[in-house]
Amino acid sequence: MTATNRWAGLGAAALVVAGVGVLFRSPGAVLAAAVAAGYLAVRAAAVRPRPSLAVERVVADEAPDPGDEVRVTVAVRNEGPTLFDLRLVDGVPDGLAVVDGPARHAAALRSGDAATFAYTVRAARGDHEWTGLEVVARGPLGARERATTVAAGGRLRCVPTFDGATDLPLRGLTTPFAGRVPTDVGGAGLEFYAVREYRRGDPRGRVDWNRAARTGELATLELREERAATVVLVVDARPAAYVAPSPTAESAVERSVDAAGRLADVLLSKGDRVGAAALSPRTTWLAPDTGRAHRARLRETLVTDPGFAPTPPDPDRRFVSRLWRRRFRRRLPDDAQVLLFSPCVDRIPITFAERLDALGHAVTVVSPDPTPHRPGGRLAGLERGLRLAELRAAGVRVAEWTPAEPLAVAGDRAARRWSR
């Protein structure tokens, strides 16, 4: 129970008015002071409000698609004494934006009466759970109030489709497993690689019969092997990366997670081994693997893991990017290449990509553009462009992705540039 300070100073004012009335023999002043004193006595004797409420919350669609608008209805029934001034504030989960109607209500409820209010949220990726309803109850004079939280359930789970309609050409780092990335190793493949002397036991289908007919010598065709790649998808999810070109646009982290999910679907369907990590104070690491079970784990990680949350983490002074990079390198397989998704708003992802490239890991940076179209945004865009130019100069592949285009278009444009 706390005082609202609504009538702070009333006692002192009553004493002053009473003194003035006595001094100047003014009955009106003495009467006003008596009224104030009577109010103070009533306030002191007033019963403190103790709310006893039953709350029911109904989420119209508990499994919407990203961007869908979902109606939330809250019903409150008073199971205790009369509440003269009741303020209700619903605890909307972080990551869900209220787009229609405030998530709050004010009412006066007799015993057994109920009040209902509703609002609309826009669905965002992840698991979102309501925890409780914040309640503030004031007495009949409004001098004291009691604040509490009433438990009430409610959950919304939003899972993107991550359809595999986007692809990026991979670099040359491969595993010993058969796959789709061309190598500089001769063997059983599709593309011509070299000719060598015939060895006993070589398949007849790979004997160069034209050369045998022309020279009488047997030779065997070597074809360029295609092997699977090991790819780790790294999403820059530091607080600095939660930027967007406008207040209503998706953040760079949200776009990066969506792009990572789409590319992972394509890579896994082609036999590559795929893992995921978050460059964030919320440590997240999923080792590269393949198969249906791993596909499900990877999708669940991108959707629900705190490292990829749609809202920024609290700044953590213990998070040191140098220490994170050291731990990441210890986990990273020797044959892995890295797809880094980052808006590149500072130098941390630039340094990270350059050092990985220097250690022999092929790095491709997919950079969603978060710069707004205003004078300050142009300056930020220029600085970002210089950072991306530095990456290209260091031999790191960069795919720039503007908000107005699909990822597939940005990938095709970047692939044409890489092939020159």
Protein backbone atom coordinates (compact mmCIF):
# COMPACT_ATOMS: atom_id res chain seq x y z
CA MET A 1 0.00 0.00 0.00
CA THR A 2 1.40 3.39 -1.00
CA ALA A 3 0.18 6.96 -0.68
CA THR A 4 -0.78 8.74 -3.89
CA ASN A 5 0.15 12.18 -2.50
CA ARG A 6 -3.04 13.45 -4.09
CA TRP A 7 -3.85 15.56 -1.00
CA ALA A 8 -0.29 16.21 0.14
CA GLY A 9 -0.06 19.34 2.26
CA LEU A 10 -3.75 19.40 3.11
CA GLY A 11 -3.12 19.02 6.85
CA ALA A 12 -0.67 21.91 6.93
CA ALA A 13 -3.03 24.03 4.86
CA ALA A 14 -5.90 23.26 7.27
CA LEU A 15 -3.83 24.40 10.25
CA VAL A 16 -2.87 27.61 8.49
CA VAL A 17 -6.49 28.36 7.52
CA ALA A 18 -7.68 27.60 11.08
CA GLY A 19 -5.06 29.93 12.52
CA VAL A 20 -6.03 32.71 10.13
CA GLY A 21 -9.72 32.22 10.97
CA VAL A 22 -9.07 32.42 14.71
CA LEU A 23 -6.75 35.39 14.33
CA PHE A 24 -9.15 37.37 12.19
CA ARG A 25 -12.30 35.88 13.74
CA SER A 26 -13.48 34.53 10.36
CA PRO A 27 -16.12 31.78 10.70
CA GLY A 28 -15.75 30.79 7.02
CA ALA A 29 -12.04 30.06 7.37
CA VAL A 30 -12.59 28.07 10.55
CA LEU A 31 -15.35 26.07 8.81
CA ALA A 32 -13.08 25.33 5.81
CA ALA A 33 -10.35 24.12 8.15
CA ALA A 34 -12.86 21.91 9.95
CA VAL A 35 -13.97 20.36 6.65
CA ALA A 36 -10.35 19.63 5.71
CA ALA A 37 -9.70 18.10 9.10
CA GLY A 38 -12.79 15.95 8.75
CA TYR A 39 -11.60 14.72 5.34
CA LEU A 40 -8.22 13.83 6.78
CA ALA A 41 -9.91 11.87 9.54
CA VAL A 42 -12.07 9.98 7.04
CA ARG A 43 -9.04 9.25 4.86
CA ALA A 44 -7.13 7.88 7.84
CA ALA A 45 -10.04 5.60 8.75
CA ALA A 46 -10.78 4.50 5.18
CA VAL A 47 -10.36 0.82 4.34
CA ARG A 48 -7.34 0.08 2.11
CA PRO A 49 -8.36 -1.51 -1.21
CA ARG A 50 -7.45 -5.18 -1.53
CA PRO A 51 -8.29 -6.31 -5.08
CA SER A 52 -9.38 -9.90 -5.58
CA LEU A 53 -9.69 -10.44 -9.33
CA ALA A 54 -10.20 -13.34 -11.73
CA VAL A 55 -8.60 -12.66 -15.12
CA GLU A 56 -9.17 -14.50 -18.39
CA ARG A 57 -7.13 -13.66 -21.50
CA VAL A 58 -8.10 -14.96 -24.94
CA VAL A 59 -5.66 -14.82 -27.88
CA ALA A 60 -7.68 -15.10 -31.10
CA ASP A 61 -4.93 -16.92 -33.07
CA GLU A 62 -2.16 -18.68 -31.16
CA ALA A 63 -0.24 -19.73 -34.31
CA PRO A 64 -0.31 -16.79 -36.75
CA ASP A 65 2.04 -16.04 -39.61
CA PRO A 66 4.57 -13.21 -39.24
CA GLY A 67 2.89 -9.85 -39.71
CA ASP A 68 -0.64 -11.08 -38.99
CA GLU A 69 -2.77 -8.96 -36.66
CA VAL A 70 -4.10 -10.89 -33.66
CA ARG A 71 -6.91 -9.75 -31.36
CA VAL A 72 -6.37 -10.17 -27.61
CA THR A 73 -9.35 -9.94 -25.23
CA VAL A 74 -8.98 -9.57 -21.46
CA ALA A 75 -11.93 -10.13 -19.08
CA VAL A 76 -11.61 -9.12 -15.40
CA ARG A 77 -14.16 -10.10 -12.72
CA ASN A 78 -14.15 -8.62 -9.21
CA GLU A 79 -14.40 -11.38 -6.58
CA GLY A 80 -13.83 -9.09 -3.62
CA PRO A 81 -15.31 -5.87 -2.21
CA THR A 82 -16.21 -2.88 -4.35
CA LEU A 83 -13.25 -1.28 -6.16
CA PHE A 84 -13.89 2.40 -6.74
CA ASP A 85 -10.86 3.14 -8.94
CA LEU A 86 -9.26 0.23 -10.78
CA ARG A 87 -6.44 0.64 -13.33
CA LEU A 88 -5.49 -2.38 -15.51
CA VAL A 89 -2.37 -2.67 -17.70
CA ASP A 90 -1.79 -5.87 -19.67
CA GLY A 91 1.77 -7.16 -19.86
CA VAL A 92 2.24 -7.43 -23.63
CA PRO A 93 5.31 -9.61 -24.39
CA ASP A 94 8.39 -7.92 -25.76
CA GLY A 95 8.52 -8.26 -29.52
CA LEU A 96 4.78 -7.83 -30.08
CA ALA A 97 3.67 -4.36 -31.16
CA VAL A 98 0.20 -3.10 -30.19
CA VAL A 99 -1.34 -1.77 -33.43
CA ASP A 100 -4.93 -1.10 -32.34
CA GLY A 101 -6.42 -0.10 -28.99
CA PRO A 102 -4.40 0.49 -25.81
CA ALA A 103 -3.54 -2.55 -23.72
CA ARG A 104 -4.96 -0.85 -20.61
CA HIS A 105 -8.32 -0.10 -19.03
CA ALA A 106 -9.85 1.84 -16.12
CA ALA A 107 -13.06 0.89 -14.32
CA ALA A 108 -14.99 0.85 -11.05
CA LEU A 109 -16.29 -2.60 -10.17
CA ARG A 110 -18.84 -3.70 -7.59
CA SER A 111 -18.45 -7.14 -6.10
CA GLY A 112 -19.26 -9.72 -8.79
CA ASP A 113 -19.10 -7.23 -11.69
CA ALA A 114 -16.78 -7.72 -14.69
CA ALA A 115 -15.01 -5.50 -17.21
CA THR A 116 -13.63 -6.42 -20.63
CA PHE A 117 -11.16 -4.69 -22.92
CA ALA A 118 -9.39 -5.73 -26.13
CA TYR A 119 -6.45 -4.72 -28.28
CA THR A 120 -4.62 -5.98 -31.37
CA VAL A 121 -0.96 -7.00 -31.70
CA ARG A 122 1.13 -7.69 -34.78
CA ALA A 123 2.66 -11.19 -34.78
CA ALA A 124 6.43 -11.49 -34.86
CA ARG A 125 8.71 -14.52 -35.09
CA GLY A 126 9.20 -16.53 -31.92
CA ASP A 127 7.40 -17.79 -28.81
CA HIS A 128 5.57 -15.04 -26.92
CA GLU A 129 3.97 -15.64 -23.53
CA TRP A 130 1.87 -13.28 -21.42
CA THR A 131 2.77 -13.45 -17.73
CA GLY A 132 0.22 -11.34 -15.87
CA LEU A 133 -2.03 -8.31 -15.64
CA GLU A 134 -0.74 -5.32 -13.69
CA VAL A 135 -3.43 -3.94 -11.36
CA VAL A 136 -3.53 -0.65 -9.44
CA ALA A 137 -6.51 -0.21 -7.06
CA ARG A 138 -7.25 3.08 -5.28
CA GLY A 139 -9.57 3.78 -2.38
CA PRO A 140 -12.77 5.86 -2.67
CA LEU A 141 -10.91 9.09 -1.87
CA GLY A 142 -7.95 8.29 -4.10
CA ALA A 143 -5.47 8.92 -1.30
CA ARG A 144 -3.92 5.44 -1.22
CA GLU A 145 -3.36 2.75 -3.80
CA ARG A 146 -2.30 -0.87 -3.93
CA ALA A 147 -0.37 -2.32 -6.90
CA THR A 148 -0.24 -6.02 -7.69
CA THR A 149 0.05 -8.46 -10.58
CA VAL A 150 -2.63 -11.03 -11.32
CA ALA A 151 -1.49 -14.18 -13.14
CA ALA A 152 -3.20 -14.89 -16.45
CA GLY A 153 -2.20 -17.25 -19.27
CA GLY A 154 -1.80 -16.54 -22.94
CA ARG A 155 0.65 -17.62 -25.60
CA LEU A 156 1.40 -16.88 -29.22
CA ARG A 157 3.82 -18.90 -31.36
CA CYS A 158 4.80 -17.46 -34.73
CA VAL A 159 6.91 -19.65 -37.03
CA PRO A 160 8.05 -18.41 -40.47
CA THR A 161 7.86 -20.79 -43.41
CA PHE A 162 11.56 -20.42 -44.42
CA ASP A 163 10.80 -21.64 -47.94
CA GLY A 164 13.94 -22.56 -49.85
CA ALA A 165 13.58 -20.14 -52.76
CA THR A 166 16.90 -18.36 -52.24
CA ASP A 167 20.42 -19.59 -52.91
CA LEU A 168 23.94 -18.21 -52.88
CA PRO A 169 26.94 -19.84 -54.58
CA LEU A 170 29.29 -21.32 -52.00
CA ARG A 171 33.06 -21.04 -51.86
CA GLY A 172 35.52 -23.88 -52.40
CA LEU A 173 35.93 -25.22 -48.86
CA THR A 174 34.39 -28.71 -48.82
CA THR A 175 34.12 -31.92 -46.84
CA PRO A 176 35.03 -35.45 -47.95
CA PHE A 177 31.33 -36.16 -48.59
CA ALA A 178 29.77 -36.04 -52.03
CA GLY A 179 27.84 -32.87 -52.75
CA ARG A 180 27.39 -29.94 -55.10
CA VAL A 181 30.50 -27.73 -54.71
CA PRO A 182 33.11 -28.21 -57.48
CA THR A 183 36.65 -28.91 -56.24
CA ASP A 184 40.16 -29.03 -57.69
CA VAL A 185 40.29 -32.77 -57.04
CA GLY A 186 39.96 -35.37 -59.75
CA GLY A 187 37.64 -38.30 -59.30
CA ALA A 188 34.08 -39.31 -60.07
CA GLY A 189 32.14 -36.22 -61.06
CA LEU A 190 30.47 -34.54 -63.99
CA GLU A 191 32.94 -31.93 -65.24
CA PHE A 192 36.16 -32.80 -67.12
CA TYR A 193 39.28 -32.37 -64.96
CA ALA A 194 42.31 -34.19 -66.50
CA VAL A 195 43.57 -37.28 -68.37
CA ARG A 196 45.92 -39.84 -66.79
CA GLU A 197 47.36 -43.23 -67.66
CA TYR A 198 45.00 -46.18 -67.56
CA ARG A 199 45.24 -48.27 -64.39
CA ARG A 200 43.98 -51.78 -64.06
CA GLY A 201 40.51 -51.74 -62.56
CA ASP A 202 39.51 -48.30 -63.90
CA PRO A 203 35.83 -48.18 -64.93
CA ARG A 204 35.34 -48.82 -68.64
CA GLY A 205 33.01 -45.82 -68.84
CA ARG A 206 35.88 -43.46 -68.00
CA VAL A 207 38.36 -44.87 -70.55
CA ASP A 208 39.20 -42.37 -73.32
CA TRP A 209 38.29 -44.64 -76.26
CA ASN A 210 38.86 -41.88 -78.82
CA ARG A 211 42.47 -41.56 -77.73
CA ALA A 212 42.83 -45.34 -77.70
CA ALA A 213 41.57 -45.52 -81.32
CA ARG A 214 43.86 -42.68 -82.38
CA THR A 215 47.12 -43.64 -80.62
CA GLY A 216 46.57 -47.21 -79.41
CA GLU A 217 47.22 -46.10 -75.80
CA LEU A 218 44.71 -46.50 -73.02
CA ALA A 219 44.00 -43.43 -70.85
CA THR A 220 41.44 -42.65 -68.16
CA LEU A 221 39.39 -39.47 -67.88
CA GLU A 222 39.45 -37.70 -64.50
CA LEU A 223 36.31 -35.72 -63.67
CA ARG A 224 36.11 -32.84 -61.21
CA GLU A 225 34.63 -34.10 -57.96
CA GLU A 226 31.75 -32.34 -56.32
CA ARG A 227 31.67 -32.47 -52.55
CA ALA A 228 29.41 -31.26 -49.78
CA ALA A 229 30.18 -28.03 -47.98
CA THR A 230 30.18 -27.30 -44.26
CA VAL A 231 28.49 -23.96 -43.67
CA VAL A 232 27.94 -22.02 -40.43
CA LEU A 233 25.31 -19.28 -40.55
CA VAL A 234 26.25 -16.44 -38.18
CA VAL A 235 23.69 -13.73 -37.40
CA ASP A 236 24.91 -10.45 -35.95
CA ALA A 237 22.39 -10.05 -33.09
CA ARG A 238 24.21 -7.53 -30.91
CA PRO A 239 22.12 -4.60 -29.62
CA ALA A 240 23.79 -2.36 -32.24
CA ALA A 241 22.45 -4.56 -35.05
CA TYR A 242 18.77 -4.01 -34.18
CA VAL A 243 18.43 -1.10 -36.59
CA ALA A 244 15.87 -0.41 -39.32
CA PRO A 245 15.35 2.26 -42.00
CA SER A 246 12.07 3.34 -40.34
CA PRO A 247 10.20 2.74 -37.06
CA THR A 248 7.72 0.42 -38.79
CA ALA A 249 10.25 -1.56 -40.84
CA GLU A 250 11.77 -4.91 -39.87
CA SER A 251 15.08 -4.71 -38.06
CA ALA A 252 18.27 -5.92 -39.70
CA VAL A 253 18.34 -8.84 -37.25
CA GLU A 254 14.83 -9.94 -38.21
CA ARG A 255 15.71 -9.80 -41.91
CA SER A 256 18.97 -11.66 -41.25
CA VAL A 257 17.26 -14.51 -39.39
CA ASP A 258 14.72 -14.85 -42.19
CA ALA A 259 17.51 -14.95 -44.81
CA ALA A 260 19.48 -17.48 -42.76
CA GLY A 261 16.44 -19.75 -42.51
CA ARG A 262 15.78 -19.62 -46.25
CA LEU A 263 19.40 -20.32 -47.18
CA ALA A 264 19.65 -23.12 -44.61
CA ASP A 265 16.66 -24.84 -46.19
CA VAL A 266 18.33 -24.78 -49.61
CA LEU A 267 21.74 -25.88 -48.33
CA LEU A 268 20.34 -28.80 -46.36
CA SER A 269 18.20 -29.96 -49.27
CA LYS A 270 21.36 -30.18 -51.40
CA GLY A 271 23.27 -32.28 -48.88
CA ASP A 272 25.45 -29.61 -47.25
CA ARG A 273 26.16 -29.64 -43.52
CA VAL A 274 24.75 -26.49 -41.89
CA GLY A 275 25.16 -24.96 -38.43
CA ALA A 276 24.13 -21.69 -36.82
CA ALA A 277 25.51 -19.18 -34.32
CA ALA A 278 24.55 -15.77 -32.97
CA LEU A 279 27.07 -12.96 -32.53
CA SER A 280 25.36 -11.79 -29.36
CA PRO A 281 25.63 -11.66 -25.56
CA ARG A 282 23.05 -14.48 -25.68
CA THR A 283 25.40 -17.32 -26.55
CA THR A 284 23.99 -19.60 -29.27
CA TRP A 285 25.77 -22.40 -31.14
CA LEU A 286 24.37 -25.27 -33.21
CA ALA A 287 27.05 -27.52 -34.70
CA PRO A 288 26.90 -28.24 -38.46
CA ASP A 289 25.04 -31.38 -39.43
CA THR A 290 22.56 -32.64 -41.99
CA GLY A 291 19.37 -34.70 -42.12
CA ARG A 292 15.70 -34.15 -41.29
CA ALA A 293 16.16 -34.10 -37.52
CA HIS A 294 18.88 -31.48 -37.81
CA ARG A 295 16.74 -29.41 -40.18
CA ALA A 296 14.02 -29.34 -37.48
CA ARG A 297 16.55 -28.41 -34.77
CA LEU A 298 17.99 -25.64 -36.90
CA ARG A 299 14.57 -24.20 -37.66
CA GLU A 300 13.60 -24.33 -33.98
CA THR A 301 16.84 -22.60 -33.03
CA LEU A 302 16.31 -19.73 -35.46
CA VAL A 303 12.69 -19.27 -34.37
CA THR A 304 12.85 -19.61 -30.58
CA ASP A 305 16.43 -19.38 -29.31
CA PRO A 306 17.07 -16.20 -27.26
CA GLY A 307 20.20 -15.53 -29.31
CA PHE A 308 18.01 -14.76 -32.34
CA ALA A 309 15.24 -12.97 -30.43
CA PRO A 310 13.27 -10.26 -32.29
CA THR A 311 14.09 -7.77 -29.50
CA PRO A 312 17.61 -6.62 -28.59
CA PRO A 313 19.36 -8.13 -25.57
CA ASP A 314 20.26 -6.05 -22.57
CA PRO A 315 23.79 -4.62 -22.91
CA ASP A 316 26.10 -7.07 -21.17
CA ARG A 317 29.43 -5.71 -20.04
CA ARG A 318 30.73 -9.27 -19.80
CA PHE A 319 30.24 -9.73 -23.55
CA VAL A 320 33.59 -9.06 -25.21
CA SER A 321 33.62 -9.60 -28.95
CA ARG A 322 37.25 -10.75 -28.84
CA LEU A 323 36.39 -13.49 -26.33
CA TRP A 324 33.34 -14.49 -28.38
CA ARG A 325 35.44 -14.78 -31.54
CA ARG A 326 37.99 -16.96 -29.72
CA ARG A 327 35.28 -19.34 -28.52
CA PHE A 328 33.67 -19.38 -31.95
CA ARG A 329 36.94 -20.31 -33.67
CA ARG A 330 37.44 -23.21 -31.27
CA ARG A 331 34.05 -24.60 -32.24
CA LEU A 332 34.31 -23.89 -35.97
CA PRO A 333 35.29 -26.99 -38.01
CA ASP A 334 38.48 -26.62 -40.06
CA ASP A 335 36.63 -27.23 -43.32
CA ALA A 336 33.77 -24.82 -42.59
CA GLN A 337 32.91 -21.65 -44.43
CA VAL A 338 30.91 -18.85 -42.86
CA LEU A 339 27.86 -16.92 -44.06
CA LEU A 340 27.73 -13.80 -41.89
CA PHE A 341 24.50 -11.80 -41.79
CA SER A 342 25.12 -8.29 -40.49
CA PRO A 343 24.08 -4.68 -41.25
CA CYS A 344 27.75 -3.75 -40.66
CA VAL A 345 26.92 -0.65 -38.62
CA ASP A 346 30.32 -0.74 -36.90
CA ARG A 347 33.70 -2.42 -37.25
CA ILE A 348 33.09 -5.54 -35.14
CA PRO A 349 31.63 -7.71 -37.98
CA ILE A 350 34.28 -6.35 -40.38
CA THR A 351 37.12 -7.44 -38.08
CA PHE A 352 35.42 -10.77 -37.47
CA ALA A 353 35.07 -11.54 -41.20
CA GLU A 354 38.63 -10.45 -42.05
CA ARG A 355 40.18 -12.59 -39.31
CA LEU A 356 38.18 -15.66 -40.27
CA ASP A 357 39.25 -15.16 -43.89
CA ALA A 358 42.87 -14.85 -42.79
CA LEU A 359 42.56 -18.16 -40.92
CA GLY A 360 41.53 -19.90 -44.15
CA HIS A 361 37.75 -19.96 -43.73
CA ALA A 362 35.89 -18.71 -46.78
CA VAL A 363 33.55 -15.92 -45.66
CA THR A 364 30.50 -14.45 -47.39
CA VAL A 365 28.79 -11.42 -45.82
CA VAL A 366 25.08 -10.84 -46.46
CA SER A 367 24.38 -7.27 -45.36
CA PRO A 368 20.78 -6.00 -45.06
CA ASP A 369 20.82 -2.23 -45.57
CA PRO A 370 19.31 -0.45 -42.49
CA THR A 371 20.11 3.16 -43.43
CA PRO A 372 17.13 5.58 -43.49
CA HIS A 373 16.47 7.94 -46.40
CA ARG A 374 17.31 11.21 -44.68
CA PRO A 375 20.48 13.39 -44.39
CA GLY A 376 21.79 11.53 -41.33
CA GLY A 377 21.00 8.22 -43.04
CA ARG A 378 23.03 9.18 -46.09
CA LEU A 379 26.08 9.78 -43.94
CA ALA A 380 25.58 6.44 -42.15
CA GLY A 381 25.13 4.76 -45.54
CA LEU A 382 28.41 6.26 -46.78
CA GLU A 383 30.27 4.95 -43.74
CA ARG A 384 28.69 1.54 -44.16
CA GLY A 385 29.66 1.51 -47.86
CA LEU A 386 33.30 2.15 -46.92
CA ARG A 387 33.24 -0.81 -44.52
CA LEU A 388 31.81 -3.11 -47.21
CA ALA A 389 34.43 -1.85 -49.68
CA GLU A 390 37.11 -2.78 -47.15
CA LEU A 391 35.73 -6.31 -46.98
CA ARG A 392 35.74 -6.65 -50.76
CA ALA A 393 39.31 -5.38 -50.91
CA ALA A 394 40.29 -8.08 -48.41
CA GLY A 395 38.80 -10.77 -50.69
CA VAL A 396 35.59 -11.33 -48.71
CA ARG A 397 32.43 -11.79 -50.74
CA VAL A 398 29.70 -9.25 -49.94
CA ALA A 399 26.01 -9.33 -50.92
CA GLU A 400 24.20 -6.04 -50.23
CA TRP A 401 20.47 -6.37 -49.62
CA THR A 402 18.17 -3.35 -49.72
CA PRO A 403 14.76 -3.34 -47.98
CA ALA A 404 12.94 -2.90 -51.30
CA GLU A 405 14.15 -6.14 -52.91
CA PRO A 406 13.82 -9.86 -52.17
CA LEU A 407 16.90 -11.71 -51.01
CA ALA A 408 16.90 -13.77 -54.23
CA VAL A 409 17.39 -10.61 -56.31
CA ALA A 410 20.26 -9.43 -54.08
CA GLY A 411 21.84 -12.89 -54.28
CA ASP A 412 21.64 -13.02 -58.08
CA ARG A 413 23.18 -9.55 -58.38
CA ALA A 414 26.01 -10.50 -56.02
CA ALA A 415 26.64 -13.81 -57.82
CA ARG A 416 27.07 -12.01 -61.14
CA ARG A 417 29.59 -9.71 -59.51
CA TRP A 418 31.50 -12.62 -57.95
CA SER A 419 31.71 -14.47 -61.31
CA ARG A 420 33.51 -11.62 -63.07
